[in-house]
Amino acid sequence: MASLRAVTAPRGCMAVSSRRPCVIVRAEGQINPSIRKNEAKVADFVTASELPKPKAVLCRCWRSTKFPYCDGAHLQHNKDTGDNVGPLVIDTAAPASPQ
């Protein structure tokens, strides 16, 4: 499992809140614990017509049992590591027509 290291951010870093310091967290080591480890690189290609409607929720923590889709595993990962990773949510609903 990757270890996380907090690094003081350089000047000019945009903090979410002016009351909190801006900190950059970097993962060291492997991030992917078990998904398709026999492949040199894991890459998934999904066409827009294959995405679930109305939203596609894709995993970014590498711990989902439904990878590449999110199953909420990032919640436990964040609790265990102090990380703040969440899914990529793609809204596949048709955009509202301009009036």
PDB file of N, CA and C in Angstrom:
ATOM      1  N   MET A   1       0.847  -1.175   0.000  1.00  0.00           N
ATOM      2  CA  MET A   1       0.000   0.000   0.000  1.00  0.00           C
ATOM      3  C   MET A   1       0.894   1.241   0.000  1.00  0.00           C
ATOM      4  N   ALA A   2       0.475   2.264  -0.674  1.00  0.00           N
ATOM      5  CA  ALA A   2       1.232   3.503  -0.747  1.00  0.00           C
ATOM      6  C   ALA A   2       1.221   4.202   0.596  1.00  0.00           C
ATOM      7  N   SER A   3       2.327   4.850   0.897  1.00  0.00           N
ATOM      8  CA  SER A   3       2.335   5.683   2.098  1.00  0.00           C
ATOM      9  C   SER A   3       2.128   7.120   1.660  1.00  0.00           C
ATOM     10  N   LEU A   4       1.532   7.908   2.516  1.00  0.00           N
ATOM     11  CA  LEU A   4       1.250   9.296   2.184  1.00  0.00           C
ATOM     12  C   LEU A   4       2.170  10.203   2.963  1.00  0.00           C
ATOM     13  N   ARG A   5       2.612  11.267   2.317  1.00  0.00           N
ATOM     14  CA  ARG A   5       3.516  12.209   2.951  1.00  0.00           C
ATOM     15  C   ARG A   5       2.979  13.607   2.704  1.00  0.00           C
ATOM     16  N   ALA A   6       2.750  14.346   3.777  1.00  0.00           N
ATOM     17  CA  ALA A   6       2.288  15.733   3.646  1.00  0.00           C
ATOM     18  C   ALA A   6       3.497  16.623   3.430  1.00  0.00           C
ATOM     19  N   VAL A   7       3.374  17.542   2.501  1.00  0.00           N
ATOM     20  CA  VAL A   7       4.456  18.456   2.165  1.00  0.00           C
ATOM     21  C   VAL A   7       3.923  19.877   2.266  1.00  0.00           C
ATOM     22  N   THR A   8       4.697  20.773   2.860  1.00  0.00           N
ATOM     23  CA  THR A   8       4.275  22.161   2.912  1.00  0.00           C
ATOM     24  C   THR A   8       4.197  22.692   1.485  1.00  0.00           C
ATOM     25  N   ALA A   9       3.105  23.331   1.193  1.00  0.00           N
ATOM     26  CA  ALA A   9       2.863  23.810  -0.168  1.00  0.00           C
ATOM     27  C   ALA A   9       3.713  25.034  -0.478  1.00  0.00           C
ATOM     28  N   PRO A  10       4.080  25.182  -1.737  1.00  0.00           N
ATOM     29  CA  PRO A  10       4.824  26.368  -2.140  1.00  0.00           C
ATOM     30  C   PRO A  10       3.956  27.613  -2.061  1.00  0.00           C
ATOM     31  N   ARG A  11       4.593  28.762  -2.054  1.00  0.00           N
ATOM     32  CA  ARG A  11       3.840  30.024  -2.047  1.00  0.00           C
ATOM     33  C   ARG A  11       2.917  30.082  -3.238  1.00  0.00           C
ATOM     34  N   GLY A  12       1.749  30.665  -3.032  1.00  0.00           N
ATOM     35  CA  GLY A  12       0.792  30.804  -4.118  1.00  0.00           C
ATOM     36  C   GLY A  12      -0.172  29.641  -4.220  1.00  0.00           C
ATOM     37  N   CYS A  13      -0.037  28.647  -3.356  1.00  0.00           N
ATOM     38  CA  CYS A  13      -0.955  27.508  -3.371  1.00  0.00           C
ATOM     39  C   CYS A  13      -2.341  27.991  -2.978  1.00  0.00           C
ATOM     40  N   MET A  14      -3.350  27.547  -3.695  1.00  0.00           N
ATOM     41  CA  MET A  14      -4.724  27.956  -3.412  1.00  0.00           C
ATOM     42  C   MET A  14      -5.315  27.049  -2.344  1.00  0.00           C
ATOM     43  N   ALA A  15      -5.594  27.576  -1.174  1.00  0.00           N
ATOM     44  CA  ALA A  15      -6.222  26.799  -0.100  1.00  0.00           C
ATOM     45  C   ALA A  15      -7.736  26.850  -0.266  1.00  0.00           C
ATOM     46  N   VAL A  16      -8.410  25.795   0.152  1.00  0.00           N
ATOM     47  CA  VAL A  16      -9.864  25.749   0.086  1.00  0.00           C
ATOM     48  C   VAL A  16     -10.462  26.789   1.013  1.00  0.00           C
ATOM     49  N   SER A  17      -9.855  26.966   2.148  1.00  0.00           N
ATOM     50  CA  SER A  17     -10.323  27.935   3.137  1.00  0.00           C
ATOM     51  C   SER A  17      -9.127  28.732   3.614  1.00  0.00           C
ATOM     52  N   SER A  18      -9.311  30.015   3.821  1.00  0.00           N
ATOM     53  CA  SER A  18      -8.191  30.836   4.280  1.00  0.00           C
ATOM     54  C   SER A  18      -7.792  30.484   5.706  1.00  0.00           C
ATOM     55  N   ARG A  19      -8.645  29.753   6.437  1.00  0.00           N
ATOM     56  CA  ARG A  19      -8.333  29.354   7.801  1.00  0.00           C
ATOM     57  C   ARG A  19      -7.493  28.097   7.871  1.00  0.00           C
ATOM     58  N   ARG A  20      -7.389  27.369   6.783  1.00  0.00           N
ATOM     59  CA  ARG A  20      -6.619  26.127   6.780  1.00  0.00           C
ATOM     60  C   ARG A  20      -5.363  26.307   5.951  1.00  0.00           C
ATOM     61  N   PRO A  21      -4.244  25.755   6.403  1.00  0.00           N
ATOM     62  CA  PRO A  21      -3.034  25.835   5.577  1.00  0.00           C
ATOM     63  C   PRO A  21      -3.176  24.966   4.335  1.00  0.00           C
ATOM     64  N   CYS A  22      -2.502  25.324   3.305  1.00  0.00           N
ATOM     65  CA  CYS A  22      -2.529  24.552   2.072  1.00  0.00           C
ATOM     66  C   CYS A  22      -1.451  23.472   2.174  1.00  0.00           C
ATOM     67  N   VAL A  23      -1.848  22.214   2.048  1.00  0.00           N
ATOM     68  CA  VAL A  23      -0.925  21.090   2.167  1.00  0.00           C
ATOM     69  C   VAL A  23      -1.076  20.212   0.940  1.00  0.00           C
ATOM     70  N   ILE A  24       0.026  19.784   0.398  1.00  0.00           N
ATOM     71  CA  ILE A  24       0.035  18.859  -0.724  1.00  0.00           C
ATOM     72  C   ILE A  24       0.352  17.479  -0.165  1.00  0.00           C
ATOM     73  N   VAL A  25      -0.444  16.476  -0.545  1.00  0.00           N
ATOM     74  CA  VAL A  25      -0.203  15.111  -0.092  1.00  0.00           C
ATOM     75  C   VAL A  25       0.271  14.305  -1.284  1.00  0.00           C
ATOM     76  N   ARG A  26       1.400  13.639  -1.114  1.00  0.00           N
ATOM     77  CA  ARG A  26       1.959  12.825  -2.193  1.00  0.00           C
ATOM     78  C   ARG A  26       1.995  11.375  -1.757  1.00  0.00           C
ATOM     79  N   ALA A  27       1.590  10.483  -2.649  1.00  0.00           N
ATOM     80  CA  ALA A  27       1.665   9.047  -2.372  1.00  0.00           C
ATOM     81  C   ALA A  27       3.058   8.552  -2.735  1.00  0.00           C
ATOM     82  N   GLU A  28       3.587   7.697  -1.889  1.00  0.00           N
ATOM     83  CA  GLU A  28       4.867   7.068  -2.175  1.00  0.00           C
ATOM     84  C   GLU A  28       4.642   5.572  -2.264  1.00  0.00           C
ATOM     85  N   GLY A  29       5.200   4.925  -3.255  1.00  0.00           N
ATOM     86  CA  GLY A  29       4.993   3.493  -3.427  1.00  0.00           C
ATOM     87  C   GLY A  29       3.809   3.232  -4.338  1.00  0.00           C
ATOM     88  N   GLN A  30       3.347   2.003  -4.334  1.00  0.00           N
ATOM     89  CA  GLN A  30       2.251   1.614  -5.210  1.00  0.00           C
ATOM     90  C   GLN A  30       0.912   2.108  -4.686  1.00  0.00           C
ATOM     91  N   ILE A  31       0.086   2.607  -5.586  1.00  0.00           N
ATOM     92  CA  ILE A  31      -1.247   3.070  -5.242  1.00  0.00           C
ATOM     93  C   ILE A  31      -2.266   1.966  -5.519  1.00  0.00           C
ATOM     94  N   ASN A  32      -2.086   1.229  -6.597  1.00  0.00           N
ATOM     95  CA  ASN A  32      -2.994   0.152  -6.975  1.00  0.00           C
ATOM     96  C   ASN A  32      -2.642  -1.107  -6.182  1.00  0.00           C
ATOM     97  N   PRO A  33      -3.488  -1.518  -5.221  1.00  0.00           N
ATOM     98  CA  PRO A  33      -3.139  -2.680  -4.402  1.00  0.00           C
ATOM     99  C   PRO A  33      -3.375  -4.031  -5.075  1.00  0.00           C
ATOM    100  N   SER A  34      -4.357  -4.119  -6.011  1.00  0.00           N
ATOM    101  CA  SER A  34      -4.676  -5.471  -6.487  1.00  0.00           C
ATOM    102  C   SER A  34      -5.357  -5.560  -7.851  1.00  0.00           C
ATOM    103  N   ILE A  35      -5.614  -4.485  -8.506  1.00  0.00           N
ATOM    104  CA  ILE A  35      -6.405  -4.528  -9.737  1.00  0.00           C
ATOM    105  C   ILE A  35      -5.519  -4.798 -10.948  1.00  0.00           C
ATOM    106  N   ARG A  36      -5.752  -5.937 -11.600  1.00  0.00           N
ATOM    107  CA  ARG A  36      -5.082  -6.319 -12.856  1.00  0.00           C
ATOM    108  C   ARG A  36      -3.574  -6.104 -12.791  1.00  0.00           C
ATOM    109  N   LYS A  37      -2.953  -6.637 -11.750  1.00  0.00           N
ATOM    110  CA  LYS A  37      -1.517  -6.451 -11.531  1.00  0.00           C
ATOM    111  C   LYS A  37      -0.667  -7.166 -12.583  1.00  0.00           C
ATOM    112  N   ASN A  38      -1.248  -8.073 -13.352  1.00  0.00           N
ATOM    113  CA  ASN A  38      -0.498  -8.773 -14.382  1.00  0.00           C
ATOM    114  C   ASN A  38      -0.319  -7.930 -15.642  1.00  0.00           C
ATOM    115  N   GLU A  39      -0.914  -6.750 -15.698  1.00  0.00           N
ATOM    116  CA  GLU A  39      -0.803  -5.868 -16.862  1.00  0.00           C
ATOM    117  C   GLU A  39       0.250  -4.789 -16.603  1.00  0.00           C
ATOM    118  N   ALA A  40       0.953  -4.393 -17.656  1.00  0.00           N
ATOM    119  CA  ALA A  40       1.976  -3.351 -17.513  1.00  0.00           C
ATOM    120  C   ALA A  40       1.364  -2.011 -17.118  1.00  0.00           C
ATOM    121  N   LYS A  41       0.202  -1.712 -17.661  1.00  0.00           N
ATOM    122  CA  LYS A  41      -0.500  -0.465 -17.340  1.00  0.00           C
ATOM    123  C   LYS A  41      -1.995  -0.731 -17.429  1.00  0.00           C
ATOM    124  N   VAL A  42      -2.737  -0.268 -16.422  1.00  0.00           N
ATOM    125  CA  VAL A  42      -4.186  -0.442 -16.430  1.00  0.00           C
ATOM    126  C   VAL A  42      -4.805   0.791 -17.066  1.00  0.00           C
ATOM    127  N   ALA A  43      -5.473   0.590 -18.178  1.00  0.00           N
ATOM    128  CA  ALA A  43      -6.179   1.682 -18.855  1.00  0.00           C
ATOM    129  C   ALA A  43      -7.526   1.143 -19.302  1.00  0.00           C
ATOM    130  N   ASP A  44      -8.572   1.883 -19.015  1.00  0.00           N
ATOM    131  CA  ASP A  44      -9.913   1.482 -19.419  1.00  0.00           C
ATOM    132  C   ASP A  44     -10.477   2.528 -20.361  1.00  0.00           C
ATOM    133  N   PHE A  45     -11.099   2.065 -21.432  1.00  0.00           N
ATOM    134  CA  PHE A  45     -11.721   2.950 -22.405  1.00  0.00           C
ATOM    135  C   PHE A  45     -13.207   2.656 -22.426  1.00  0.00           C
ATOM    136  N   VAL A  46     -14.010   3.665 -22.210  1.00  0.00           N
ATOM    137  CA  VAL A  46     -15.458   3.514 -22.184  1.00  0.00           C
ATOM    138  C   VAL A  46     -16.041   4.537 -23.150  1.00  0.00           C
ATOM    139  N   THR A  47     -16.898   4.078 -24.050  1.00  0.00           N
ATOM    140  CA  THR A  47     -17.560   5.024 -24.937  1.00  0.00           C
ATOM    141  C   THR A  47     -18.771   5.614 -24.219  1.00  0.00           C
ATOM    142  N   ALA A  48     -19.162   6.801 -24.610  1.00  0.00           N
ATOM    143  CA  ALA A  48     -20.263   7.499 -23.946  1.00  0.00           C
ATOM    144  C   ALA A  48     -21.545   6.669 -23.949  1.00  0.00           C
ATOM    145  N   SER A  49     -21.778   5.908 -24.991  1.00  0.00           N
ATOM    146  CA  SER A  49     -23.011   5.117 -25.064  1.00  0.00           C
ATOM    147  C   SER A  49     -23.012   3.959 -24.063  1.00  0.00           C
ATOM    148  N   GLU A  50     -21.838   3.564 -23.533  1.00  0.00           N
ATOM    149  CA  GLU A  50     -21.742   2.480 -22.563  1.00  0.00           C
ATOM    150  C   GLU A  50     -21.906   2.958 -21.125  1.00  0.00           C
ATOM    151  N   LEU A  51     -21.895   4.258 -20.899  1.00  0.00           N
ATOM    152  CA  LEU A  51     -21.958   4.782 -19.533  1.00  0.00           C
ATOM    153  C   LEU A  51     -23.348   4.611 -18.945  1.00  0.00           C
ATOM    154  N   PRO A  52     -23.407   4.277 -17.642  1.00  0.00           N
ATOM    155  CA  PRO A  52     -24.714   4.169 -16.992  1.00  0.00           C
ATOM    156  C   PRO A  52     -25.416   5.520 -16.978  1.00  0.00           C
ATOM    157  N   LYS A  53     -26.713   5.500 -17.052  1.00  0.00           N
ATOM    158  CA  LYS A  53     -27.486   6.737 -17.022  1.00  0.00           C
ATOM    159  C   LYS A  53     -28.151   6.861 -15.662  1.00  0.00           C
ATOM    160  N   PRO A  54     -28.352   8.009 -15.087  1.00  0.00           N
ATOM    161  CA  PRO A  54     -27.977   9.329 -15.577  1.00  0.00           C
ATOM    162  C   PRO A  54     -26.561   9.731 -15.202  1.00  0.00           C
ATOM    163  N   LYS A  55     -25.873   8.928 -14.355  1.00  0.00           N
ATOM    164  CA  LYS A  55     -24.507   9.283 -13.971  1.00  0.00           C
ATOM    165  C   LYS A  55     -23.623   8.051 -13.980  1.00  0.00           C
ATOM    166  N   ALA A  56     -22.376   8.255 -14.391  1.00  0.00           N
ATOM    167  CA  ALA A  56     -21.358   7.216 -14.292  1.00  0.00           C
ATOM    168  C   ALA A  56     -20.427   7.629 -13.161  1.00  0.00           C
ATOM    169  N   VAL A  57     -20.203   6.742 -12.207  1.00  0.00           N
ATOM    170  CA  VAL A  57     -19.353   7.044 -11.055  1.00  0.00           C
ATOM    171  C   VAL A  57     -18.148   6.111 -11.137  1.00  0.00           C
ATOM    172  N   LEU A  58     -17.000   6.671 -11.467  1.00  0.00           N
ATOM    173  CA  LEU A  58     -15.789   5.892 -11.727  1.00  0.00           C
ATOM    174  C   LEU A  58     -14.810   5.975 -10.563  1.00  0.00           C
ATOM    175  N   CYS A  59     -14.165   4.850 -10.263  1.00  0.00           N
ATOM    176  CA  CYS A  59     -13.227   4.733  -9.148  1.00  0.00           C
ATOM    177  C   CYS A  59     -11.919   5.457  -9.446  1.00  0.00           C
ATOM    178  N   ARG A  60     -11.402   6.164  -8.424  1.00  0.00           N
ATOM    179  CA  ARG A  60     -10.073   6.771  -8.517  1.00  0.00           C
ATOM    180  C   ARG A  60      -9.160   6.329  -7.384  1.00  0.00           C
ATOM    181  N   CYS A  61      -9.659   5.459  -6.492  1.00  0.00           N
ATOM    182  CA  CYS A  61      -8.835   5.027  -5.352  1.00  0.00           C
ATOM    183  C   CYS A  61      -8.213   3.652  -5.573  1.00  0.00           C
ATOM    184  N   TRP A  62      -8.594   2.947  -6.603  1.00  0.00           N
ATOM    185  CA  TRP A  62      -8.072   1.632  -6.968  1.00  0.00           C
ATOM    186  C   TRP A  62      -8.505   0.530  -5.998  1.00  0.00           C
ATOM    187  N   ARG A  63      -9.517   0.753  -5.187  1.00  0.00           N
ATOM    188  CA  ARG A  63      -9.919  -0.262  -4.221  1.00  0.00           C
ATOM    189  C   ARG A  63     -11.309  -0.823  -4.479  1.00  0.00           C
ATOM    190  N   SER A  64     -11.973  -0.374  -5.514  1.00  0.00           N
ATOM    191  CA  SER A  64     -13.331  -0.810  -5.828  1.00  0.00           C
ATOM    192  C   SER A  64     -13.355  -2.265  -6.293  1.00  0.00           C
ATOM    193  N   THR A  65     -14.322  -3.026  -5.792  1.00  0.00           N
ATOM    194  CA  THR A  65     -14.503  -4.393  -6.279  1.00  0.00           C
ATOM    195  C   THR A  65     -15.244  -4.401  -7.611  1.00  0.00           C
ATOM    196  N   LYS A  66     -15.731  -3.239  -8.047  1.00  0.00           N
ATOM    197  CA  LYS A  66     -16.437  -3.103  -9.322  1.00  0.00           C
ATOM    198  C   LYS A  66     -15.626  -2.270 -10.316  1.00  0.00           C
ATOM    199  N   PHE A  67     -14.303  -2.172 -10.096  1.00  0.00           N
ATOM    200  CA  PHE A  67     -13.449  -1.334 -10.928  1.00  0.00           C
ATOM    201  C   PHE A  67     -13.726  -1.602 -12.407  1.00  0.00           C
ATOM    202  N   PRO A  68     -13.855  -0.587 -13.262  1.00  0.00           N
ATOM    203  CA  PRO A  68     -13.524   0.816 -13.062  1.00  0.00           C
ATOM    204  C   PRO A  68     -14.624   1.651 -12.406  1.00  0.00           C
ATOM    205  N   TYR A  69     -15.732   1.015 -12.044  1.00  0.00           N
ATOM    206  CA  TYR A  69     -16.808   1.767 -11.395  1.00  0.00           C
ATOM    207  C   TYR A  69     -16.587   1.824  -9.885  1.00  0.00           C
ATOM    208  N   CYS A  70     -17.060   2.876  -9.255  1.00  0.00           N
ATOM    209  CA  CYS A  70     -16.901   3.093  -7.818  1.00  0.00           C
ATOM    210  C   CYS A  70     -17.904   2.250  -7.038  1.00  0.00           C
ATOM    211  N   ASP A  71     -17.439   1.661  -5.930  1.00  0.00           N
ATOM    212  CA  ASP A  71     -18.345   0.957  -5.016  1.00  0.00           C
ATOM    213  C   ASP A  71     -18.314   1.580  -3.616  1.00  0.00           C
ATOM    214  N   GLY A  72     -17.668   2.754  -3.481  1.00  0.00           N
ATOM    215  CA  GLY A  72     -17.590   3.432  -2.195  1.00  0.00           C
ATOM    216  C   GLY A  72     -16.395   3.030  -1.357  1.00  0.00           C
ATOM    217  N   ALA A  73     -15.508   2.192  -1.892  1.00  0.00           N
ATOM    218  CA  ALA A  73     -14.340   1.727  -1.130  1.00  0.00           C
ATOM    219  C   ALA A  73     -13.427   2.870  -0.700  1.00  0.00           C
ATOM    220  N   HIS A  74     -13.497   4.005  -1.382  1.00  0.00           N
ATOM    221  CA  HIS A  74     -12.647   5.144  -1.016  1.00  0.00           C
ATOM    222  C   HIS A  74     -12.970   5.665   0.386  1.00  0.00           C
ATOM    223  N   LEU A  75     -14.189   5.440   0.862  1.00  0.00           N
ATOM    224  CA  LEU A  75     -14.557   5.915   2.201  1.00  0.00           C
ATOM    225  C   LEU A  75     -13.671   5.269   3.262  1.00  0.00           C
ATOM    226  N   GLN A  76     -13.504   3.940   3.197  1.00  0.00           N
ATOM    227  CA  GLN A  76     -12.639   3.251   4.161  1.00  0.00           C
ATOM    228  C   GLN A  76     -11.178   3.606   3.914  1.00  0.00           C
ATOM    229  N   HIS A  77     -10.779   3.700   2.645  1.00  0.00           N
ATOM    230  CA  HIS A  77      -9.405   4.097   2.309  1.00  0.00           C
ATOM    231  C   HIS A  77      -9.083   5.455   2.927  1.00  0.00           C
ATOM    232  N   ASN A  78      -9.992   6.421   2.766  1.00  0.00           N
ATOM    233  CA  ASN A  78      -9.766   7.759   3.328  1.00  0.00           C
ATOM    234  C   ASN A  78      -9.683   7.715   4.850  1.00  0.00           C
ATOM    235  N   LYS A  79     -10.532   6.919   5.480  1.00  0.00           N
ATOM    236  CA  LYS A  79     -10.526   6.800   6.937  1.00  0.00           C
ATOM    237  C   LYS A  79      -9.207   6.190   7.418  1.00  0.00           C
ATOM    238  N   ASP A  80      -8.731   5.168   6.705  1.00  0.00           N
ATOM    239  CA  ASP A  80      -7.500   4.474   7.104  1.00  0.00           C
ATOM    240  C   ASP A  80      -6.247   5.302   6.871  1.00  0.00           C
ATOM    241  N   THR A  81      -6.242   6.120   5.829  1.00  0.00           N
ATOM    242  CA  THR A  81      -5.010   6.801   5.419  1.00  0.00           C
ATOM    243  C   THR A  81      -5.003   8.306   5.623  1.00  0.00           C
ATOM    244  N   GLY A  82      -6.170   8.898   5.856  1.00  0.00           N
ATOM    245  CA  GLY A  82      -6.241  10.354   5.930  1.00  0.00           C
ATOM    246  C   GLY A  82      -6.283  10.998   4.558  1.00  0.00           C
ATOM    247  N   ASP A  83      -6.433  10.191   3.524  1.00  0.00           N
ATOM    248  CA  ASP A  83      -6.512  10.696   2.149  1.00  0.00           C
ATOM    249  C   ASP A  83      -7.877  11.357   1.941  1.00  0.00           C
ATOM    250  N   ASN A  84      -8.079  11.985   0.811  1.00  0.00           N
ATOM    251  CA  ASN A  84      -9.355  12.634   0.514  1.00  0.00           C
ATOM    252  C   ASN A  84      -9.860  12.299  -0.887  1.00  0.00           C
ATOM    253  N   VAL A  85      -9.473  11.143  -1.408  1.00  0.00           N
ATOM    254  CA  VAL A  85      -9.848  10.763  -2.761  1.00  0.00           C
ATOM    255  C   VAL A  85     -11.340  10.427  -2.846  1.00  0.00           C
ATOM    256  N   GLY A  86     -11.914  10.731  -3.966  1.00  0.00           N
ATOM    257  CA  GLY A  86     -13.314  10.409  -4.236  1.00  0.00           C
ATOM    258  C   GLY A  86     -13.452   9.988  -5.684  1.00  0.00           C
ATOM    259  N   PRO A  87     -14.639   9.613  -6.097  1.00  0.00           N
ATOM    260  CA  PRO A  87     -14.833   9.121  -7.459  1.00  0.00           C
ATOM    261  C   PRO A  87     -14.867  10.247  -8.491  1.00  0.00           C
ATOM    262  N   LEU A  88     -14.741   9.852  -9.740  1.00  0.00           N
ATOM    263  CA  LEU A  88     -15.000  10.746 -10.866  1.00  0.00           C
ATOM    264  C   LEU A  88     -16.449  10.527 -11.246  1.00  0.00           C
ATOM    265  N   VAL A  89     -17.268  11.564 -11.174  1.00  0.00           N
ATOM    266  CA  VAL A  89     -18.688  11.458 -11.490  1.00  0.00           C
ATOM    267  C   VAL A  89     -18.930  12.143 -12.829  1.00  0.00           C
ATOM    268  N   ILE A  90     -19.453  11.390 -13.780  1.00  0.00           N
ATOM    269  CA  ILE A  90     -19.753  11.932 -15.100  1.00  0.00           C
ATOM    270  C   ILE A  90     -21.264  11.976 -15.253  1.00  0.00           C
ATOM    271  N   ASP A  91     -21.801  13.164 -15.424  1.00  0.00           N
ATOM    272  CA  ASP A  91     -23.235  13.329 -15.620  1.00  0.00           C
ATOM    273  C   ASP A  91     -23.531  13.031 -17.080  1.00  0.00           C
ATOM    274  N   THR A  92     -24.275  11.970 -17.322  1.00  0.00           N
ATOM    275  CA  THR A  92     -24.575  11.567 -18.692  1.00  0.00           C
ATOM    276  C   THR A  92     -25.955  12.005 -19.149  1.00  0.00           C
ATOM    277  N   ALA A  93     -26.653  12.752 -18.295  1.00  0.00           N
ATOM    278  CA  ALA A  93     -27.977  13.252 -18.680  1.00  0.00           C
ATOM    279  C   ALA A  93     -27.820  14.270 -19.799  1.00  0.00           C
ATOM    280  N   ALA A  94     -28.814  14.343 -20.639  1.00  0.00           N
ATOM    281  CA  ALA A  94     -28.786  15.292 -21.739  1.00  0.00           C
ATOM    282  C   ALA A  94     -28.782  16.712 -21.192  1.00  0.00           C
ATOM    283  N   PRO A  95     -27.964  17.592 -21.739  1.00  0.00           N
ATOM    284  CA  PRO A  95     -27.955  18.973 -21.257  1.00  0.00           C
ATOM    285  C   PRO A  95     -29.291  19.659 -21.562  1.00  0.00           C
ATOM    286  N   ALA A  96     -29.625  20.587 -20.713  1.00  0.00           N
ATOM    287  CA  ALA A  96     -30.870  21.342 -20.931  1.00  0.00           C
ATOM    288  C   ALA A  96     -30.723  22.158 -22.210  1.00  0.00           C
ATOM    289  N   SER A  97     -31.792  22.204 -22.976  1.00  0.00           N
ATOM    290  CA  SER A  97     -31.727  22.980 -24.221  1.00  0.00           C
ATOM    291  C   SER A  97     -31.803  24.472 -23.908  1.00  0.00           C
ATOM    292  N   PRO A  98     -31.017  25.263 -24.646  1.00  0.00           N
ATOM    293  CA  PRO A  98     -31.035  26.712 -24.411  1.00  0.00           C
ATOM    294  C   PRO A  98     -32.407  27.289 -24.772  1.00  0.00           C
ATOM    295  N   GLN A  99     -32.795  28.311 -24.056  1.00  0.00           N
ATOM    296  CA  GLN A  99     -34.117  28.913 -24.317  1.00  0.00           C
ATOM    297  C   GLN A  99     -34.022  30.141 -25.169  1.00  0.00           C
TER     298      GLN A  99
END
